[in-house]
PDB file of N, CA and C in Angstrom:
ATOM      1  N   MET A   1     185.793 158.967 213.680  1.00  0.00           N
ATOM      2  CA  MET A   1     184.857 160.102 212.933  1.00  0.00           C
ATOM      3  C   MET A   1     183.917 160.470 213.884  1.00  0.00           C
ATOM      4  N   LYS A   2     183.454 161.570 213.481  1.00  0.00           N
ATOM      5  CA  LYS A   2     182.031 161.684 214.278  1.00  0.00           C
ATOM      6  C   LYS A   2     181.258 161.375 213.066  1.00  0.00           C
ATOM      7  N   LYS A   3     180.068 161.132 213.928  1.00  0.00           N
ATOM      8  CA  LYS A   3     179.091 160.595 212.519  1.00  0.00           C
ATOM      9  C   LYS A   3     177.502 161.046 213.540  1.00  0.00           C
ATOM     10  N   VAL A   4     176.650 162.097 213.173  1.00  0.00           N
ATOM     11  CA  VAL A   4     175.696 162.416 213.583  1.00  0.00           C
ATOM     12  C   VAL A   4     174.259 162.438 212.855  1.00  0.00           C
ATOM     13  N   ARG A   5     172.942 162.399 213.390  1.00  0.00           N
ATOM     14  CA  ARG A   5     171.907 162.699 213.020  1.00  0.00           C
ATOM     15  C   ARG A   5     170.692 163.819 213.230  1.00  0.00           C
ATOM     16  N   ILE A   6     170.695 164.673 212.298  1.00  0.00           N
ATOM     17  CA  ILE A   6     170.441 165.491 212.368  1.00  0.00           C
ATOM     18  C   ILE A   6     168.566 165.914 212.241  1.00  0.00           C
ATOM     19  N   LEU A   7     168.266 166.603 212.797  1.00  0.00           N
ATOM     20  CA  LEU A   7     166.445 166.547 212.364  1.00  0.00           C
ATOM     21  C   LEU A   7     166.106 168.233 212.724  1.00  0.00           C
ATOM     22  N   VAL A   8     165.668 168.830 211.607  1.00  0.00           N
ATOM     23  CA  VAL A   8     165.400 170.177 211.609  1.00  0.00           C
ATOM     24  C   VAL A   8     164.033 170.488 211.354  1.00  0.00           C
ATOM     25  N   SER A   9     163.510 171.107 212.329  1.00  0.00           N
ATOM     26  CA  SER A   9     161.780 171.594 211.949  1.00  0.00           C
ATOM     27  C   SER A   9     162.178 172.910 211.928  1.00  0.00           C
ATOM     28  N   GLY A  10     160.884 173.286 211.493  1.00  0.00           N
ATOM     29  CA  GLY A  10     160.257 174.739 211.167  1.00  0.00           C
ATOM     30  C   GLY A  10     159.827 174.740 209.588  1.00  0.00           C
ATOM     31  N   ARG A  11     159.808 176.138 209.057  1.00  0.00           N
ATOM     32  CA  ARG A  11     159.975 176.428 207.813  1.00  0.00           C
ATOM     33  C   ARG A  11     161.131 175.813 207.108  1.00  0.00           C
ATOM     34  N   VAL A  12     161.511 174.246 206.905  1.00  0.00           N
ATOM     35  CA  VAL A  12     162.304 173.963 205.829  1.00  0.00           C
ATOM     36  C   VAL A  12     162.122 172.914 205.021  1.00  0.00           C
ATOM     37  N   GLN A  13     161.131 172.993 204.316  1.00  0.00           N
ATOM     38  CA  GLN A  13     160.899 172.951 203.316  1.00  0.00           C
ATOM     39  C   GLN A  13     160.628 173.381 202.091  1.00  0.00           C
ATOM     40  N   GLY A  14     160.935 173.939 200.969  1.00  0.00           N
ATOM     41  CA  GLY A  14     160.283 174.608 199.996  1.00  0.00           C
ATOM     42  C   GLY A  14     160.607 175.640 199.803  1.00  0.00           C
ATOM     43  N   VAL A  15     162.425 175.561 200.438  1.00  0.00           N
ATOM     44  CA  VAL A  15     163.090 177.435 200.930  1.00  0.00           C
ATOM     45  C   VAL A  15     164.210 176.647 200.324  1.00  0.00           C
ATOM     46  N   GLY A  16     164.818 175.414 199.946  1.00  0.00           N
ATOM     47  CA  GLY A  16     166.173 175.621 199.467  1.00  0.00           C
ATOM     48  C   GLY A  16     167.124 175.112 200.697  1.00  0.00           C
ATOM     49  N   PHE A  17     166.111 174.053 201.883  1.00  0.00           N
ATOM     50  CA  PHE A  17     167.038 173.792 202.620  1.00  0.00           C
ATOM     51  C   PHE A  17     167.982 172.724 202.534  1.00  0.00           C
ATOM     52  N   ARG A  18     167.560 171.896 201.466  1.00  0.00           N
ATOM     53  CA  ARG A  18     168.222 170.859 201.423  1.00  0.00           C
ATOM     54  C   ARG A  18     169.433 171.333 200.699  1.00  0.00           C
ATOM     55  N   TYR A  19     168.803 171.775 199.349  1.00  0.00           N
ATOM     56  CA  TYR A  19     169.930 172.588 198.678  1.00  0.00           C
ATOM     57  C   TYR A  19     170.984 173.058 199.442  1.00  0.00           C
ATOM     58  N   SER A  20     170.805 174.212 200.203  1.00  0.00           N
ATOM     59  CA  SER A  20     172.082 174.631 200.844  1.00  0.00           C
ATOM     60  C   SER A  20     172.777 173.658 201.826  1.00  0.00           C
ATOM     61  N   THR A  21     172.027 172.895 202.264  1.00  0.00           N
ATOM     62  CA  THR A  21     172.762 171.878 203.161  1.00  0.00           C
ATOM     63  C   THR A  21     173.742 171.128 202.615  1.00  0.00           C
ATOM     64  N   TYR A  22     173.408 170.509 201.584  1.00  0.00           N
ATOM     65  CA  TYR A  22     174.534 169.883 200.219  1.00  0.00           C
ATOM     66  C   TYR A  22     176.054 171.194 199.991  1.00  0.00           C
ATOM     67  N   ALA A  23     175.177 172.195 199.730  1.00  0.00           N
ATOM     68  CA  ALA A  23     176.303 172.943 199.179  1.00  0.00           C
ATOM     69  C   ALA A  23     177.094 173.313 200.348  1.00  0.00           C
ATOM     70  N   LEU A  24     177.012 173.291 201.425  1.00  0.00           N
ATOM     71  CA  LEU A  24     177.417 173.758 202.543  1.00  0.00           C
ATOM     72  C   LEU A  24     178.471 173.084 202.651  1.00  0.00           C
ATOM     73  N   ALA A  25     177.788 171.045 202.548  1.00  0.00           N
ATOM     74  CA  ALA A  25     179.140 170.583 203.049  1.00  0.00           C
ATOM     75  C   ALA A  25     179.954 170.269 201.809  1.00  0.00           C
ATOM     76  N   ILE A  26     179.660 170.622 200.465  1.00  0.00           N
ATOM     77  CA  ILE A  26     180.789 170.723 199.913  1.00  0.00           C
ATOM     78  C   ILE A  26     181.769 171.787 199.729  1.00  0.00           C
ATOM     79  N   GLU A  27     181.101 172.897 200.520  1.00  0.00           N
ATOM     80  CA  GLU A  27     182.266 174.173 200.658  1.00  0.00           C
ATOM     81  C   GLU A  27     182.839 174.273 201.982  1.00  0.00           C
ATOM     82  N   LEU A  28     182.336 173.380 202.700  1.00  0.00           N
ATOM     83  CA  LEU A  28     183.276 172.930 204.039  1.00  0.00           C
ATOM     84  C   LEU A  28     184.160 172.263 203.655  1.00  0.00           C
ATOM     85  N   GLY A  29     183.840 170.964 202.774  1.00  0.00           N
ATOM     86  CA  GLY A  29     184.884 170.109 202.320  1.00  0.00           C
ATOM     87  C   GLY A  29     184.640 168.973 203.484  1.00  0.00           C
ATOM     88  N   ASP A  30     185.198 167.188 203.117  1.00  0.00           N
ATOM     89  CA  ASP A  30     185.427 166.505 204.361  1.00  0.00           C
ATOM     90  C   ASP A  30     183.720 166.243 205.106  1.00  0.00           C
ATOM     91  N   ILE A  31     182.811 166.772 205.072  1.00  0.00           N
ATOM     92  CA  ILE A  31     181.495 166.495 205.294  1.00  0.00           C
ATOM     93  C   ILE A  31     180.912 165.159 204.334  1.00  0.00           C
ATOM     94  N   TYR A  32     180.407 164.596 204.536  1.00  0.00           N
ATOM     95  CA  TYR A  32     180.014 163.248 203.821  1.00  0.00           C
ATOM     96  C   TYR A  32     178.484 163.112 204.328  1.00  0.00           C
ATOM     97  N   GLY A  33     177.591 162.583 203.727  1.00  0.00           N
ATOM     98  CA  GLY A  33     176.293 162.112 204.202  1.00  0.00           C
ATOM     99  C   GLY A  33     174.716 162.142 203.130  1.00  0.00           C
ATOM    100  N   ARG A  34     174.225 162.331 204.095  1.00  0.00           N
ATOM    101  CA  ARG A  34     172.702 162.675 202.750  1.00  0.00           C
ATOM    102  C   ARG A  34     171.749 163.431 203.720  1.00  0.00           C
ATOM    103  N   VAL A  35     170.610 164.338 202.933  1.00  0.00           N
ATOM    104  CA  VAL A  35     169.785 164.780 203.532  1.00  0.00           C
ATOM    105  C   VAL A  35     168.632 164.908 202.646  1.00  0.00           C
ATOM    106  N   TRP A  36     167.509 164.444 203.454  1.00  0.00           N
ATOM    107  CA  TRP A  36     166.146 164.801 202.232  1.00  0.00           C
ATOM    108  C   TRP A  36     164.832 164.701 203.099  1.00  0.00           C
ATOM    109  N   ASN A  37     163.920 165.360 203.016  1.00  0.00           N
ATOM    110  CA  ASN A  37     162.859 166.095 203.467  1.00  0.00           C
ATOM    111  C   ASN A  37     161.794 164.810 203.717  1.00  0.00           C
ATOM    112  N   ASN A  38     161.302 164.697 205.068  1.00  0.00           N
ATOM    113  CA  ASN A  38     160.521 163.667 205.778  1.00  0.00           C
ATOM    114  C   ASN A  38     159.293 164.332 205.552  1.00  0.00           C
ATOM    115  N   ASP A  39     158.109 163.174 205.663  1.00  0.00           N
ATOM    116  CA  ASP A  39     156.776 163.400 205.367  1.00  0.00           C
ATOM    117  C   ASP A  39     156.097 164.352 206.322  1.00  0.00           C
ATOM    118  N   ASP A  40     156.468 164.409 207.404  1.00  0.00           N
ATOM    119  CA  ASP A  40     156.014 165.223 208.252  1.00  0.00           C
ATOM    120  C   ASP A  40     156.816 167.121 208.525  1.00  0.00           C
ATOM    121  N   GLY A  41     157.289 167.090 207.332  1.00  0.00           N
ATOM    122  CA  GLY A  41     157.720 168.684 207.083  1.00  0.00           C
ATOM    123  C   GLY A  41     158.823 168.812 207.709  1.00  0.00           C
ATOM    124  N   THR A  42     159.574 168.118 208.595  1.00  0.00           N
ATOM    125  CA  THR A  42     161.054 167.860 208.548  1.00  0.00           C
ATOM    126  C   THR A  42     162.056 167.413 207.945  1.00  0.00           C
ATOM    127  N   VAL A  43     163.707 168.036 208.084  1.00  0.00           N
ATOM    128  CA  VAL A  43     164.360 167.590 207.028  1.00  0.00           C
ATOM    129  C   VAL A  43     165.367 166.903 208.151  1.00  0.00           C
ATOM    130  N   GLU A  44     165.502 165.865 207.660  1.00  0.00           N
ATOM    131  CA  GLU A  44     166.569 165.065 208.299  1.00  0.00           C
ATOM    132  C   GLU A  44     168.323 164.857 207.507  1.00  0.00           C
ATOM    133  N   ILE A  45     169.284 164.894 207.766  1.00  0.00           N
ATOM    134  CA  ILE A  45     170.704 165.062 207.556  1.00  0.00           C
ATOM    135  C   ILE A  45     171.584 163.536 208.615  1.00  0.00           C
ATOM    136  N   LEU A  46     171.967 162.616 207.710  1.00  0.00           N
ATOM    137  CA  LEU A  46     173.307 162.119 208.378  1.00  0.00           C
ATOM    138  C   LEU A  46     174.215 162.509 207.877  1.00  0.00           C
ATOM    139  N   ALA A  47     175.183 162.809 208.876  1.00  0.00           N
ATOM    140  CA  ALA A  47     176.271 163.746 208.330  1.00  0.00           C
ATOM    141  C   ALA A  47     177.430 162.934 209.151  1.00  0.00           C
ATOM    142  N   GLN A  48     179.071 163.008 208.450  1.00  0.00           N
ATOM    143  CA  GLN A  48     179.945 162.314 209.050  1.00  0.00           C
ATOM    144  C   GLN A  48     180.951 163.364 208.182  1.00  0.00           C
ATOM    145  N   SER A  49     182.006 162.977 209.470  1.00  0.00           N
ATOM    146  CA  SER A  49     183.426 163.625 209.138  1.00  0.00           C
ATOM    147  C   SER A  49     184.277 163.322 210.052  1.00  0.00           C
ATOM    148  N   ASP A  50     185.638 163.466 209.540  1.00  0.00           N
ATOM    149  CA  ASP A  50     186.805 163.287 210.707  1.00  0.00           C
ATOM    150  C   ASP A  50     187.372 164.462 211.317  1.00  0.00           C
ATOM    151  N   ASP A  51     187.263 165.669 210.622  1.00  0.00           N
ATOM    152  CA  ASP A  51     187.229 166.891 210.928  1.00  0.00           C
ATOM    153  C   ASP A  51     186.481 167.293 211.765  1.00  0.00           C
ATOM    154  N   SER A  52     186.676 167.434 213.534  1.00  0.00           N
ATOM    155  CA  SER A  52     185.529 168.047 214.254  1.00  0.00           C
ATOM    156  C   SER A  52     185.334 169.245 214.325  1.00  0.00           C
ATOM    157  N   HIS A  53     186.062 170.467 213.635  1.00  0.00           N
ATOM    158  CA  HIS A  53     185.504 171.559 213.365  1.00  0.00           C
ATOM    159  C   HIS A  53     185.189 171.647 212.682  1.00  0.00           C
ATOM    160  N   LYS A  54     185.462 171.097 211.460  1.00  0.00           N
ATOM    161  CA  LYS A  54     184.307 171.538 210.003  1.00  0.00           C
ATOM    162  C   LYS A  54     182.692 170.676 210.680  1.00  0.00           C
ATOM    163  N   MET A  55     182.741 169.673 211.466  1.00  0.00           N
ATOM    164  CA  MET A  55     181.215 169.240 211.937  1.00  0.00           C
ATOM    165  C   MET A  55     180.941 170.077 212.566  1.00  0.00           C
ATOM    166  N   ALA A  56     181.785 170.582 213.452  1.00  0.00           N
ATOM    167  CA  ALA A  56     181.093 172.172 214.288  1.00  0.00           C
ATOM    168  C   ALA A  56     180.365 173.488 213.834  1.00  0.00           C
ATOM    169  N   LYS A  57     181.032 173.359 212.569  1.00  0.00           N
ATOM    170  CA  LYS A  57     180.542 174.681 211.799  1.00  0.00           C
ATOM    171  C   LYS A  57     179.085 174.135 210.842  1.00  0.00           C
ATOM    172  N   PHE A  58     179.268 172.588 210.798  1.00  0.00           N
ATOM    173  CA  PHE A  58     178.676 172.405 209.778  1.00  0.00           C
ATOM    174  C   PHE A  58     176.925 172.321 210.553  1.00  0.00           C
ATOM    175  N   ILE A  59     177.410 171.987 211.598  1.00  0.00           N
ATOM    176  CA  ILE A  59     176.052 171.978 212.455  1.00  0.00           C
ATOM    177  C   ILE A  59     175.552 173.310 213.278  1.00  0.00           C
ATOM    178  N   GLN A  60     176.494 173.902 213.239  1.00  0.00           N
ATOM    179  CA  GLN A  60     176.333 175.663 213.592  1.00  0.00           C
ATOM    180  C   GLN A  60     175.685 176.261 212.793  1.00  0.00           C
ATOM    181  N   GLU A  61     175.975 176.014 211.417  1.00  0.00           N
ATOM    182  CA  GLU A  61     175.238 176.604 210.211  1.00  0.00           C
ATOM    183  C   GLU A  61     173.680 175.910 209.922  1.00  0.00           C
ATOM    184  N   ILE A  62     173.835 174.978 210.427  1.00  0.00           N
ATOM    185  CA  ILE A  62     172.249 174.131 210.031  1.00  0.00           C
ATOM    186  C   ILE A  62     171.488 174.729 211.164  1.00  0.00           C
ATOM    187  N   ARG A  63     171.495 174.808 212.321  1.00  0.00           N
ATOM    188  CA  ARG A  63     171.154 175.580 213.378  1.00  0.00           C
ATOM    189  C   ARG A  63     170.587 176.759 213.086  1.00  0.00           C
ATOM    190  N   LYS A  64     171.302 177.654 212.153  1.00  0.00           N
ATOM    191  CA  LYS A  64     171.175 178.982 211.491  1.00  0.00           C
ATOM    192  C   LYS A  64     170.205 178.939 210.264  1.00  0.00           C
ATOM    193  N   GLY A  65     170.129 178.061 210.229  1.00  0.00           N
ATOM    194  CA  GLY A  65     168.948 178.230 208.451  1.00  0.00           C
ATOM    195  C   GLY A  65     170.079 178.722 207.519  1.00  0.00           C
ATOM    196  N   PRO A  66     169.759 178.227 206.167  1.00  0.00           N
ATOM    197  CA  PRO A  66     170.235 179.171 205.218  1.00  0.00           C
ATOM    198  C   PRO A  66     169.945 180.328 204.519  1.00  0.00           C
ATOM    199  N   SER A  67     168.964 180.789 204.760  1.00  0.00           N
ATOM    200  CA  SER A  67     168.401 182.053 204.131  1.00  0.00           C
ATOM    201  C   SER A  67     167.334 182.390 205.148  1.00  0.00           C
ATOM    202  N   ARG A  68     166.649 183.933 204.472  1.00  0.00           N
ATOM    203  CA  ARG A  68     166.156 184.360 205.352  1.00  0.00           C
ATOM    204  C   ARG A  68     164.812 183.654 204.841  1.00  0.00           C
ATOM    205  N   LEU A  69     164.456 182.851 203.601  1.00  0.00           N
ATOM    206  CA  LEU A  69     163.261 182.499 203.661  1.00  0.00           C
ATOM    207  C   LEU A  69     163.415 180.927 204.843  1.00  0.00           C
ATOM    208  N   ALA A  70     164.445 180.630 205.165  1.00  0.00           N
ATOM    209  CA  ALA A  70     164.180 179.050 205.902  1.00  0.00           C
ATOM    210  C   ALA A  70     164.006 179.715 207.501  1.00  0.00           C
ATOM    211  N   LYS A  71     163.001 179.269 208.254  1.00  0.00           N
ATOM    212  CA  LYS A  71     163.611 179.548 209.538  1.00  0.00           C
ATOM    213  C   LYS A  71     163.226 178.163 210.306  1.00  0.00           C
ATOM    214  N   VAL A  72     164.065 177.845 211.386  1.00  0.00           N
ATOM    215  CA  VAL A  72     164.679 176.853 212.110  1.00  0.00           C
ATOM    216  C   VAL A  72     164.344 176.719 213.602  1.00  0.00           C
ATOM    217  N   ASP A  73     163.370 176.380 213.649  1.00  0.00           N
ATOM    218  CA  ASP A  73     162.599 176.064 215.036  1.00  0.00           C
ATOM    219  C   ASP A  73     162.987 175.555 215.981  1.00  0.00           C
ATOM    220  N   TYR A  74     163.752 174.014 215.694  1.00  0.00           N
ATOM    221  CA  TYR A  74     164.250 173.094 216.688  1.00  0.00           C
ATOM    222  C   TYR A  74     165.034 172.680 215.453  1.00  0.00           C
ATOM    223  N   CYS A  75     165.969 172.057 216.444  1.00  0.00           N
ATOM    224  CA  CYS A  75     167.321 171.486 215.593  1.00  0.00           C
ATOM    225  C   CYS A  75     167.947 170.340 216.429  1.00  0.00           C
ATOM    226  N   ASP A  76     167.740 169.090 216.374  1.00  0.00           N
ATOM    227  CA  ASP A  76     168.027 168.047 217.341  1.00  0.00           C
ATOM    228  C   ASP A  76     169.197 167.202 216.822  1.00  0.00           C
ATOM    229  N   VAL A  77     170.114 167.166 217.479  1.00  0.00           N
ATOM    230  CA  VAL A  77     171.641 166.574 216.863  1.00  0.00           C
ATOM    231  C   VAL A  77     172.013 165.859 217.939  1.00  0.00           C
ATOM    232  N   GLN A  78     172.151 164.581 217.185  1.00  0.00           N
ATOM    233  CA  GLN A  78     172.514 163.311 217.866  1.00  0.00           C
ATOM    234  C   GLN A  78     173.220 162.401 217.277  1.00  0.00           C
ATOM    235  N   MET A  79     174.669 162.041 218.337  1.00  0.00           N
ATOM    236  CA  MET A  79     175.463 161.017 217.507  1.00  0.00           C
ATOM    237  C   MET A  79     174.819 159.674 217.270  1.00  0.00           C
ATOM    238  N   ALA A  80     175.173 159.375 216.267  1.00  0.00           N
ATOM    239  CA  ALA A  80     174.246 157.895 215.422  1.00  0.00           C
ATOM    240  C   ALA A  80     175.412 157.425 214.635  1.00  0.00           C
ATOM    241  N   ALA A  81     174.838 155.885 214.517  1.00  0.00           N
ATOM    242  CA  ALA A  81     175.750 155.127 213.500  1.00  0.00           C
ATOM    243  C   ALA A  81     175.299 154.621 212.547  1.00  0.00           C
ATOM    244  N   PHE A  82     175.896 154.313 211.408  1.00  0.00           N
ATOM    245  CA  PHE A  82     175.242 154.069 209.872  1.00  0.00           C
ATOM    246  C   PHE A  82     176.183 154.224 209.085  1.00  0.00           C
ATOM    247  N   SER A  83     176.534 153.547 208.230  1.00  0.00           N
ATOM    248  CA  SER A  83     177.374 153.050 206.642  1.00  0.00           C
ATOM    249  C   SER A  83     178.176 154.235 206.511  1.00  0.00           C
ATOM    250  N   ASN A  84     178.850 154.180 206.328  1.00  0.00           N
ATOM    251  CA  ASN A  84     180.028 155.455 206.114  1.00  0.00           C
ATOM    252  C   ASN A  84     179.752 156.083 204.660  1.00  0.00           C
ATOM    253  N   TYR A  85     179.684 157.299 203.920  1.00  0.00           N
ATOM    254  CA  TYR A  85     179.316 157.858 202.736  1.00  0.00           C
ATOM    255  C   TYR A  85     180.644 158.342 202.378  1.00  0.00           C
ATOM    256  N   SER A  86     180.906 158.118 201.040  1.00  0.00           N
ATOM    257  CA  SER A  86     182.168 158.777 200.345  1.00  0.00           C
ATOM    258  C   SER A  86     181.724 160.002 199.421  1.00  0.00           C
ATOM    259  N   ASP A  87     180.333 160.469 199.453  1.00  0.00           N
ATOM    260  CA  ASP A  87     179.995 162.025 199.427  1.00  0.00           C
ATOM    261  C   ASP A  87     178.727 162.378 199.971  1.00  0.00           C
ATOM    262  N   PHE A  88     178.515 163.688 199.630  1.00  0.00           N
ATOM    263  CA  PHE A  88     177.362 164.208 200.069  1.00  0.00           C
ATOM    264  C   PHE A  88     176.419 164.301 199.605  1.00  0.00           C
ATOM    265  N   ARG A  89     174.916 163.942 199.406  1.00  0.00           N
ATOM    266  CA  ARG A  89     173.881 163.685 198.212  1.00  0.00           C
ATOM    267  C   ARG A  89     172.601 164.249 198.903  1.00  0.00           C
ATOM    268  N   MET A  90     171.629 165.286 198.252  1.00  0.00           N
ATOM    269  CA  MET A  90     170.131 165.059 198.540  1.00  0.00           C
ATOM    270  C   MET A  90     169.556 163.771 198.321  1.00  0.00           C
ATOM    271  N   ALA A  91     168.744 163.459 199.184  1.00  0.00           N
ATOM    272  CA  ALA A  91     167.891 162.210 198.600  1.00  0.00           C
ATOM    273  C   ALA A  91     166.795 163.043 198.457  1.00  0.00           C
ATOM    274  N   ASN A  92     165.794 162.179 198.104  1.00  0.00           N
ATOM    275  CA  ASN A  92     164.206 162.031 198.014  1.00  0.00           C
ATOM    276  C   ASN A  92     163.834 162.474 196.462  1.00  0.00           C
TER     277      ASN A  92
END
């Protein structure tokens, strides 16, 4: 199982980024985790999947951003260790 922590900065709060991330995970299927806003203006995502192709697509779409309202300036993706999730949710 691949597990990643994604930290996204730019214009990513107040533009539907968390909801779009949630919708993308549901659309792709087999992506589990959490997404939330940080106090510093970034969005943080913990995501896991057994399907490496879906995870790659998920990360690719996160790097692009969900809409013309959002603007991703930086996207840091790192392997991570965390408890397994059985769904995908927006936190905060």
